[in-house]
């Protein structure tokens, strides 16, 4: 059983389950976007989008506020939908 006494034994830098799930969702979104960009036929456009995606995720990697992280995940999912439409048109 997990109780308060056991929780004191955990290191202070262990992330919560909620934070772990958010992190997993962010990484999944990042990988999906990069995979989708691979389908763009034009090399220079593909490289520009890859750089943009990496920079955007890099800028937000130090976010601590879970609400802000959730908002960015939603923004990323909307961008992913737009990107899917754009890639589909480009093919």
Protein backbone atom coordinates (compact mmCIF):
# COMPACT_ATOMS: atom_id res chain seq x y z
CA UNK A 1 0.00 0.00 0.00
CA UNK A 2 1.07 3.53 -0.73
CA UNK A 3 0.84 5.88 2.19
CA UNK A 4 2.26 9.21 3.32
CA UNK A 5 5.26 7.53 4.95
CA UNK A 6 6.23 5.90 1.65
CA UNK A 7 5.83 9.18 -0.26
CA UNK A 8 8.48 10.78 1.97
CA UNK A 9 10.98 8.25 0.67
CA UNK A 10 10.56 9.38 -2.92
CA UNK A 11 13.15 11.83 -4.22
CA UNK A 12 11.94 15.42 -4.45
CA UNK A 13 12.50 15.58 -8.22
CA UNK A 14 10.10 12.72 -9.05
CA UNK A 15 7.29 14.04 -11.22
CA UNK A 16 3.65 13.44 -10.44
CA UNK A 17 1.55 11.05 -12.49
CA UNK A 18 -0.29 14.00 -14.04
CA UNK A 19 3.00 15.66 -15.02
CA UNK A 20 4.29 12.36 -16.44
CA UNK A 21 1.15 11.95 -18.54
CA UNK A 22 1.44 15.52 -19.84
CA UNK A 23 5.09 14.95 -20.70
CA UNK A 24 4.18 11.76 -22.57
CA UNK A 25 1.47 13.60 -24.50
CA UNK A 26 3.89 16.39 -25.45
CA UNK A 27 6.52 13.94 -26.67
CA UNK A 28 3.92 12.01 -28.66
CA UNK A 29 2.71 15.21 -30.33
CA UNK A 30 6.29 16.24 -31.14
CA UNK A 31 7.05 12.89 -32.78
CA UNK A 32 3.78 12.91 -34.73
CA UNK A 33 4.49 16.37 -36.10
CA UNK A 34 8.01 15.46 -37.17
CA UNK A 35 6.77 12.26 -38.83
CA UNK A 36 4.10 14.19 -40.68
CA UNK A 37 6.61 16.76 -41.93
CA UNK A 38 8.65 13.94 -43.50
CA UNK A 39 5.84 13.55 -46.04
CA UNK A 40 6.38 17.03 -47.48
CA UNK A 41 7.95 16.60 -50.90
CA UNK A 42 9.92 19.87 -51.00
CA UNK A 43 13.20 19.49 -49.09
CA UNK A 44 13.55 23.16 -48.11
CA UNK A 45 9.95 23.43 -46.87
CA UNK A 46 10.36 20.20 -44.95
CA UNK A 47 13.55 21.49 -43.29
CA UNK A 48 11.95 24.84 -42.43
CA UNK A 49 8.97 23.16 -40.79
CA UNK A 50 11.20 20.75 -38.86
CA UNK A 51 13.22 23.69 -37.56
CA UNK A 52 10.06 25.62 -36.64
CA UNK A 53 8.62 22.63 -34.75
CA UNK A 54 11.87 22.02 -32.88
CA UNK A 55 12.21 25.69 -31.93
CA UNK A 56 8.60 25.92 -30.76
CA UNK A 57 8.96 22.88 -28.52
CA UNK A 58 12.38 24.03 -27.33
CA UNK A 59 11.00 27.44 -26.32
CA UNK A 60 8.37 25.79 -24.13
CA UNK A 61 10.40 22.95 -22.65
CA UNK A 62 10.85 24.70 -19.30
CA UNK A 63 7.18 25.38 -18.65
CA UNK A 64 6.23 24.39 -15.11
CA UNK A 65 2.57 25.42 -14.98
CA UNK A 66 0.48 22.38 -15.88
CA UNK A 67 -2.37 24.56 -17.14
CA UNK A 68 0.02 26.34 -19.52
CA UNK A 69 1.35 22.98 -20.69
CA UNK A 70 -2.21 21.76 -21.37
CA UNK A 71 -2.96 24.95 -23.32
CA UNK A 72 0.15 24.46 -25.44
CA UNK A 73 -0.75 20.83 -26.07
CA UNK A 74 -4.17 21.93 -27.33
CA UNK A 75 -2.52 24.59 -29.50
CA UNK A 76 -0.15 21.94 -30.82
CA UNK A 77 -2.99 19.56 -31.65
CA UNK A 78 -4.74 22.31 -33.59
CA UNK A 79 -1.51 23.05 -35.44
CA UNK A 80 -1.16 19.33 -36.14
CA UNK A 81 -4.60 19.28 -37.79
CA UNK A 82 -3.65 22.26 -39.96
CA UNK A 83 -0.37 20.62 -40.84
CA UNK A 84 -2.15 17.40 -41.82
CA UNK A 85 -4.43 19.35 -44.18
CA UNK A 86 -1.46 21.21 -45.65
CA UNK A 87 0.57 18.04 -46.19
CA UNK A 88 -2.41 16.32 -47.77
CA UNK A 89 -2.82 19.23 -50.23
CA UNK A 90 0.92 19.27 -51.00
CA UNK A 91 0.99 15.59 -51.99
